Amino acid sequence: MGLYSKVNFMPLAKRTHKPKLEVVANPRTEKKITPKQEEFVRIYCCEDVSQTEAAVRAGYSKKSAHAIASQLLNGSHYPHVVVRVHEVKQELAQKYEVSFESHVRKLAEIRDLAMNEGSYAAAVAAEKNRGQAAGLYIERKEILHGKIDSMSKEEVWKEIQKLHDEYPALAAVGEGNVLIEGEVEEAGK
């Protein structure tokens, strides 16, 4: 056994997941909050329900749930509950935060899954979205203001002639083209 036989030189795996929601083992002693209040906080912060529904689902009486929920969320009555609501909301905001790296990584996962399933259109769309997020594609739109539909035929020909005068290369490209409708006028007449 050499000097390096007991040493592990493997690099640590890159941390790819956000920390999970902190679970309080004993909320009564750690946060000065009862288990029922902790459950109310969890339901209120994590589920799409009203404060009254959160109180009912946490085990409070249906008759008094609205009043209890209001009191629990009132800083002067139960400041420790309000602090815990703030903590849980902060944890959730960090957990579900969208960063450039996480967004591009998720798009790569979607691309890879689509490729493995033979959904090539979805894979291309995911890869294109990765490129757009990285700024590789620039979307350009040109909005033209004008009413060619309201112009007479003569006005259109005048505009075409003006373009030919401004850009002589257009006239050279247009020579030899077949005229489908109308009459050809000599330039300068």
C-alpha atoms as a PDB file:
ATOM      1  CA  MET A   1       0.000   0.000   0.000  1.00  0.00           C
ATOM      2  CA  GLY A   2       1.400   3.249  -1.079  1.00  0.00           C
ATOM      3  CA  LEU A   3       1.012   6.682   0.353  1.00  0.00           C
ATOM      4  CA  TYR A   4      -2.028   7.455  -1.788  1.00  0.00           C
ATOM      5  CA  SER A   5      -3.906   4.178  -1.428  1.00  0.00           C
ATOM      6  CA  LYS A   6      -6.133   5.396   1.405  1.00  0.00           C
ATOM      7  CA  VAL A   7      -6.843   8.812  -0.100  1.00  0.00           C
ATOM      8  CA  ASN A   8      -9.846   9.178  -2.374  1.00  0.00           C
ATOM      9  CA  PHE A   9      -9.169  11.664  -5.156  1.00  0.00           C
ATOM     10  CA  MET A  10     -12.645  11.484  -6.674  1.00  0.00           C
ATOM     11  CA  PRO A  11     -14.147  14.932  -7.039  1.00  0.00           C
ATOM     12  CA  LEU A  12     -17.326  15.611  -5.137  1.00  0.00           C
ATOM     13  CA  ALA A  13     -20.526  15.492  -7.134  1.00  0.00           C
ATOM     14  CA  LYS A  14     -21.840  18.857  -8.154  1.00  0.00           C
ATOM     15  CA  ARG A  15     -24.795  19.973  -6.097  1.00  0.00           C
ATOM     16  CA  THR A  16     -27.683  20.100  -8.532  1.00  0.00           C
ATOM     17  CA  HIS A  17     -30.715  20.474  -6.293  1.00  0.00           C
ATOM     18  CA  LYS A  18     -31.790  23.297  -4.060  1.00  0.00           C
ATOM     19  CA  PRO A  19     -32.033  22.445  -0.363  1.00  0.00           C
ATOM     20  CA  LYS A  20     -35.334  20.872   0.614  1.00  0.00           C
ATOM     21  CA  LEU A  21     -37.889  22.650   2.772  1.00  0.00           C
ATOM     22  CA  GLU A  22     -36.606  22.708   6.338  1.00  0.00           C
ATOM     23  CA  VAL A  23     -38.528  20.260   8.472  1.00  0.00           C
ATOM     24  CA  VAL A  24     -38.652  21.202  12.109  1.00  0.00           C
ATOM     25  CA  ALA A  25     -38.259  18.087  14.263  1.00  0.00           C
ATOM     26  CA  ASN A  26     -39.802  19.580  17.378  1.00  0.00           C
ATOM     27  CA  PRO A  27     -41.553  22.822  16.470  1.00  0.00           C
ATOM     28  CA  ARG A  28     -42.697  23.458  20.041  1.00  0.00           C
ATOM     29  CA  THR A  29     -39.147  23.828  21.367  1.00  0.00           C
ATOM     30  CA  GLU A  30     -37.240  24.881  18.238  1.00  0.00           C
ATOM     31  CA  LYS A  31     -39.626  27.539  16.937  1.00  0.00           C
ATOM     32  CA  LYS A  32     -41.907  28.128  19.940  1.00  0.00           C
ATOM     33  CA  ILE A  33     -44.797  26.963  17.782  1.00  0.00           C
ATOM     34  CA  THR A  34     -47.279  24.136  18.309  1.00  0.00           C
ATOM     35  CA  PRO A  35     -47.519  21.230  15.855  1.00  0.00           C
ATOM     36  CA  LYS A  36     -50.993  22.421  14.829  1.00  0.00           C
ATOM     37  CA  GLN A  37     -49.640  25.916  14.153  1.00  0.00           C
ATOM     38  CA  GLU A  38     -46.735  24.425  12.172  1.00  0.00           C
ATOM     39  CA  GLU A  39     -49.229  22.427  10.092  1.00  0.00           C
ATOM     40  CA  PHE A  40     -51.265  25.600   9.517  1.00  0.00           C
ATOM     41  CA  VAL A  41     -48.100  27.386   8.327  1.00  0.00           C
ATOM     42  CA  ARG A  42     -47.188  24.499   5.996  1.00  0.00           C
ATOM     43  CA  ILE A  43     -50.659  24.341   4.442  1.00  0.00           C
ATOM     44  CA  TYR A  44     -51.009  28.122   4.228  1.00  0.00           C
ATOM     45  CA  CYS A  45     -47.618  28.549   2.509  1.00  0.00           C
ATOM     46  CA  CYS A  46     -47.447  25.439   0.348  1.00  0.00           C
ATOM     47  CA  GLU A  47     -50.987  24.927  -0.888  1.00  0.00           C
ATOM     48  CA  ASP A  48     -53.299  27.186  -2.831  1.00  0.00           C
ATOM     49  CA  VAL A  49     -55.938  27.650  -0.125  1.00  0.00           C
ATOM     50  CA  SER A  50     -57.357  30.519   1.893  1.00  0.00           C
ATOM     51  CA  GLN A  51     -56.177  31.155   5.425  1.00  0.00           C
ATOM     52  CA  THR A  52     -59.509  29.817   6.733  1.00  0.00           C
ATOM     53  CA  GLU A  53     -59.176  26.594   4.717  1.00  0.00           C
ATOM     54  CA  ALA A  54     -55.590  26.210   5.957  1.00  0.00           C
ATOM     55  CA  ALA A  55     -56.821  26.492   9.559  1.00  0.00           C
ATOM     56  CA  VAL A  56     -59.558  23.886   8.992  1.00  0.00           C
ATOM     57  CA  ARG A  57     -57.149  21.473   7.303  1.00  0.00           C
ATOM     58  CA  ALA A  58     -54.635  21.979  10.121  1.00  0.00           C
ATOM     59  CA  GLY A  59     -57.249  20.727  12.590  1.00  0.00           C
ATOM     60  CA  TYR A  60     -58.901  23.861  13.913  1.00  0.00           C
ATOM     61  CA  SER A  61     -62.691  24.004  14.352  1.00  0.00           C
ATOM     62  CA  LYS A  62     -64.668  24.968  11.246  1.00  0.00           C
ATOM     63  CA  LYS A  63     -66.776  27.363  13.313  1.00  0.00           C
ATOM     64  CA  SER A  64     -63.820  29.389  14.521  1.00  0.00           C
ATOM     65  CA  ALA A  65     -61.308  28.725  11.707  1.00  0.00           C
ATOM     66  CA  HIS A  66     -61.646  32.176  10.145  1.00  0.00           C
ATOM     67  CA  ALA A  67     -61.031  33.979  13.440  1.00  0.00           C
ATOM     68  CA  ILE A  68     -58.177  31.660  14.432  1.00  0.00           C
ATOM     69  CA  ALA A  69     -56.496  32.040  11.032  1.00  0.00           C
ATOM     70  CA  SER A  70     -56.714  35.825  11.293  1.00  0.00           C
ATOM     71  CA  GLN A  71     -55.215  35.718  14.791  1.00  0.00           C
ATOM     72  CA  LEU A  72     -52.435  33.330  13.715  1.00  0.00           C
ATOM     73  CA  LEU A  73     -51.426  35.696  10.925  1.00  0.00           C
ATOM     74  CA  ASN A  74     -51.610  38.755  13.166  1.00  0.00           C
ATOM     75  CA  GLY A  75     -48.123  39.674  14.357  1.00  0.00           C
ATOM     76  CA  SER A  76     -49.333  41.113  17.646  1.00  0.00           C
ATOM     77  CA  HIS A  77     -51.148  37.897  18.679  1.00  0.00           C
ATOM     78  CA  TYR A  78     -48.810  35.182  17.417  1.00  0.00           C
ATOM     79  CA  PRO A  79     -45.511  36.750  16.278  1.00  0.00           C
ATOM     80  CA  HIS A  80     -43.766  33.342  16.227  1.00  0.00           C
ATOM     81  CA  VAL A  81     -46.319  32.056  13.657  1.00  0.00           C
ATOM     82  CA  VAL A  82     -45.841  35.119  11.457  1.00  0.00           C
ATOM     83  CA  VAL A  83     -42.065  34.657  11.652  1.00  0.00           C
ATOM     84  CA  ARG A  84     -42.445  30.981  10.694  1.00  0.00           C
ATOM     85  CA  VAL A  85     -44.684  31.908   7.719  1.00  0.00           C
ATOM     86  CA  HIS A  86     -41.975  34.312   6.570  1.00  0.00           C
ATOM     87  CA  GLU A  87     -39.277  31.628   6.982  1.00  0.00           C
ATOM     88  CA  VAL A  88     -41.226  29.027   5.002  1.00  0.00           C
ATOM     89  CA  LYS A  89     -42.021  31.505   2.225  1.00  0.00           C
ATOM     90  CA  GLN A  90     -38.318  32.416   1.995  1.00  0.00           C
ATOM     91  CA  GLU A  91     -37.378  28.725   1.809  1.00  0.00           C
ATOM     92  CA  LEU A  92     -39.917  28.137  -0.941  1.00  0.00           C
ATOM     93  CA  ALA A  93     -38.729  31.187  -2.876  1.00  0.00           C
ATOM     94  CA  GLN A  94     -35.163  29.848  -2.798  1.00  0.00           C
ATOM     95  CA  LYS A  95     -36.249  26.312  -3.668  1.00  0.00           C
ATOM     96  CA  TYR A  96     -38.250  27.351  -6.721  1.00  0.00           C
ATOM     97  CA  GLU A  97     -36.021  30.214  -7.788  1.00  0.00           C
ATOM     98  CA  VAL A  98     -35.421  30.335 -11.521  1.00  0.00           C
ATOM     99  CA  SER A  99     -31.865  31.147 -12.432  1.00  0.00           C
ATOM    100  CA  PHE A 100     -30.220  31.134 -15.822  1.00  0.00           C
ATOM    101  CA  GLU A 101     -28.279  27.989 -14.955  1.00  0.00           C
ATOM    102  CA  SER A 102     -31.282  26.056 -13.641  1.00  0.00           C
ATOM    103  CA  HIS A 103     -33.406  27.143 -16.604  1.00  0.00           C
ATOM    104  CA  VAL A 104     -30.850  26.068 -19.200  1.00  0.00           C
ATOM    105  CA  ARG A 105     -30.157  22.821 -17.309  1.00  0.00           C
ATOM    106  CA  LYS A 106     -33.879  21.970 -17.236  1.00  0.00           C
ATOM    107  CA  LEU A 107     -34.184  22.660 -20.963  1.00  0.00           C
ATOM    108  CA  ALA A 108     -31.248  20.312 -21.563  1.00  0.00           C
ATOM    109  CA  GLU A 109     -33.011  17.609 -19.533  1.00  0.00           C
ATOM    110  CA  ILE A 110     -36.186  18.110 -21.577  1.00  0.00           C
ATOM    111  CA  ARG A 111     -34.169  17.939 -24.794  1.00  0.00           C
ATOM    112  CA  ASP A 112     -32.469  14.713 -23.732  1.00  0.00           C
ATOM    113  CA  LEU A 113     -35.752  13.083 -22.672  1.00  0.00           C
ATOM    114  CA  ALA A 114     -37.362  14.085 -25.962  1.00  0.00           C
ATOM    115  CA  MET A 115     -34.437  12.681 -27.942  1.00  0.00           C
ATOM    116  CA  ASN A 116     -34.594   9.389 -26.044  1.00  0.00           C
ATOM    117  CA  GLU A 117     -38.312   9.111 -26.766  1.00  0.00           C
ATOM    118  CA  GLY A 118     -37.875   9.978 -30.453  1.00  0.00           C
ATOM    119  CA  SER A 119     -39.713  13.289 -30.121  1.00  0.00           C
ATOM    120  CA  TYR A 120     -37.299  15.181 -32.316  1.00  0.00           C
ATOM    121  CA  ALA A 121     -39.493  18.267 -32.782  1.00  0.00           C
ATOM    122  CA  ALA A 122     -39.716  18.708 -29.008  1.00  0.00           C
ATOM    123  CA  ALA A 123     -35.961  18.185 -28.696  1.00  0.00           C
ATOM    124  CA  VAL A 124     -35.262  20.834 -31.325  1.00  0.00           C
ATOM    125  CA  ALA A 125     -37.698  23.236 -29.635  1.00  0.00           C
ATOM    126  CA  ALA A 126     -36.010  22.737 -26.253  1.00  0.00           C
ATOM    127  CA  GLU A 127     -32.572  23.258 -27.763  1.00  0.00           C
ATOM    128  CA  LYS A 128     -33.749  26.394 -29.572  1.00  0.00           C
ATOM    129  CA  ASN A 129     -35.155  27.725 -26.293  1.00  0.00           C
ATOM    130  CA  ARG A 130     -31.776  27.052 -24.641  1.00  0.00           C
ATOM    131  CA  GLY A 131     -30.116  29.072 -27.384  1.00  0.00           C
ATOM    132  CA  GLN A 132     -32.600  31.900 -26.962  1.00  0.00           C
ATOM    133  CA  ALA A 133     -32.018  31.939 -23.197  1.00  0.00           C
ATOM    134  CA  ALA A 134     -28.279  32.126 -23.821  1.00  0.00           C
ATOM    135  CA  GLY A 135     -28.759  35.009 -26.268  1.00  0.00           C
ATOM    136  CA  LEU A 136     -27.629  33.100 -29.344  1.00  0.00           C
ATOM    137  CA  TYR A 137     -30.708  34.088 -31.302  1.00  0.00           C
ATOM    138  CA  ILE A 138     -31.887  37.622 -31.829  1.00  0.00           C
ATOM    139  CA  GLU A 139     -35.488  38.083 -32.807  1.00  0.00           C
ATOM    140  CA  ARG A 140     -35.937  40.953 -35.188  1.00  0.00           C
ATOM    141  CA  LYS A 141     -39.252  42.317 -36.304  1.00  0.00           C
ATOM    142  CA  GLU A 142     -39.782  45.023 -38.811  1.00  0.00           C
ATOM    143  CA  ILE A 143     -43.069  46.832 -38.808  1.00  0.00           C
ATOM    144  CA  LEU A 144     -43.767  48.688 -42.008  1.00  0.00           C
ATOM    145  CA  HIS A 145     -46.177  51.549 -42.095  1.00  0.00           C
ATOM    146  CA  GLY A 146     -47.808  52.123 -45.412  1.00  0.00           C
ATOM    147  CA  LYS A 147     -50.900  51.300 -47.311  1.00  0.00           C
ATOM    148  CA  ILE A 148     -49.932  49.727 -50.582  1.00  0.00           C
ATOM    149  CA  ASP A 149     -53.447  48.313 -50.855  1.00  0.00           C
ATOM    150  CA  SER A 150     -54.854  51.832 -50.959  1.00  0.00           C
ATOM    151  CA  MET A 151     -52.394  53.012 -53.630  1.00  0.00           C
ATOM    152  CA  SER A 152     -53.328  53.161 -57.284  1.00  0.00           C
ATOM    153  CA  LYS A 153     -51.397  51.171 -59.871  1.00  0.00           C
ATOM    154  CA  GLU A 154     -49.641  54.316 -61.049  1.00  0.00           C
ATOM    155  CA  GLU A 155     -48.563  55.206 -57.505  1.00  0.00           C
ATOM    156  CA  VAL A 156     -47.141  51.708 -57.028  1.00  0.00           C
ATOM    157  CA  TRP A 157     -45.167  51.981 -60.293  1.00  0.00           C
ATOM    158  CA  LYS A 158     -43.850  55.399 -59.206  1.00  0.00           C
ATOM    159  CA  GLU A 159     -42.644  53.894 -55.904  1.00  0.00           C
ATOM    160  CA  ILE A 160     -40.992  51.022 -57.778  1.00  0.00           C
ATOM    161  CA  GLN A 161     -39.305  53.479 -60.110  1.00  0.00           C
ATOM    162  CA  LYS A 162     -38.103  55.513 -57.139  1.00  0.00           C
ATOM    163  CA  LEU A 163     -36.587  52.337 -55.643  1.00  0.00           C
ATOM    164  CA  HIS A 164     -34.868  51.574 -58.962  1.00  0.00           C
ATOM    165  CA  ASP A 165     -33.432  55.088 -59.018  1.00  0.00           C
ATOM    166  CA  GLU A 166     -32.175  54.801 -55.426  1.00  0.00           C
ATOM    167  CA  TYR A 167     -30.836  51.275 -55.907  1.00  0.00           C
ATOM    168  CA  PRO A 168     -29.614  50.790 -59.490  1.00  0.00           C
ATOM    169  CA  ALA A 169     -28.687  47.164 -58.747  1.00  0.00           C
ATOM    170  CA  LEU A 170     -32.417  46.395 -58.530  1.00  0.00           C
ATOM    171  CA  ALA A 171     -32.900  47.424 -62.152  1.00  0.00           C
ATOM    172  CA  ALA A 172     -30.090  45.089 -63.261  1.00  0.00           C
ATOM    173  CA  VAL A 173     -31.594  42.175 -61.333  1.00  0.00           C
ATOM    174  CA  GLY A 174     -35.024  42.883 -62.782  1.00  0.00           C
ATOM    175  CA  GLU A 175     -33.877  42.816 -66.422  1.00  0.00           C
ATOM    176  CA  GLY A 176     -35.102  39.786 -68.286  1.00  0.00           C
ATOM    177  CA  ASN A 177     -37.927  39.055 -65.845  1.00  0.00           C
ATOM    178  CA  VAL A 178     -41.241  38.040 -67.327  1.00  0.00           C
ATOM    179  CA  LEU A 179     -44.059  40.540 -66.934  1.00  0.00           C
ATOM    180  CA  ILE A 180     -47.258  38.739 -65.964  1.00  0.00           C
ATOM    181  CA  GLU A 181     -49.692  41.601 -66.119  1.00  0.00           C
ATOM    182  CA  GLY A 182     -49.629  45.197 -67.276  1.00  0.00           C
ATOM    183  CA  GLU A 183     -47.478  47.095 -69.659  1.00  0.00           C
ATOM    184  CA  VAL A 184     -43.771  47.735 -69.611  1.00  0.00           C
ATOM    185  CA  GLU A 185     -42.771  51.346 -69.693  1.00  0.00           C
ATOM    186  CA  GLU A 186     -39.320  52.459 -70.670  1.00  0.00           C
ATOM    187  CA  ALA A 187     -37.282  53.869 -67.817  1.00  0.00           C
ATOM    188  CA  GLY A 188     -37.309  57.652 -67.751  1.00  0.00           C
ATOM    189  CA  LYS A 189     -40.672  58.120 -69.572  1.00  0.00           C
END
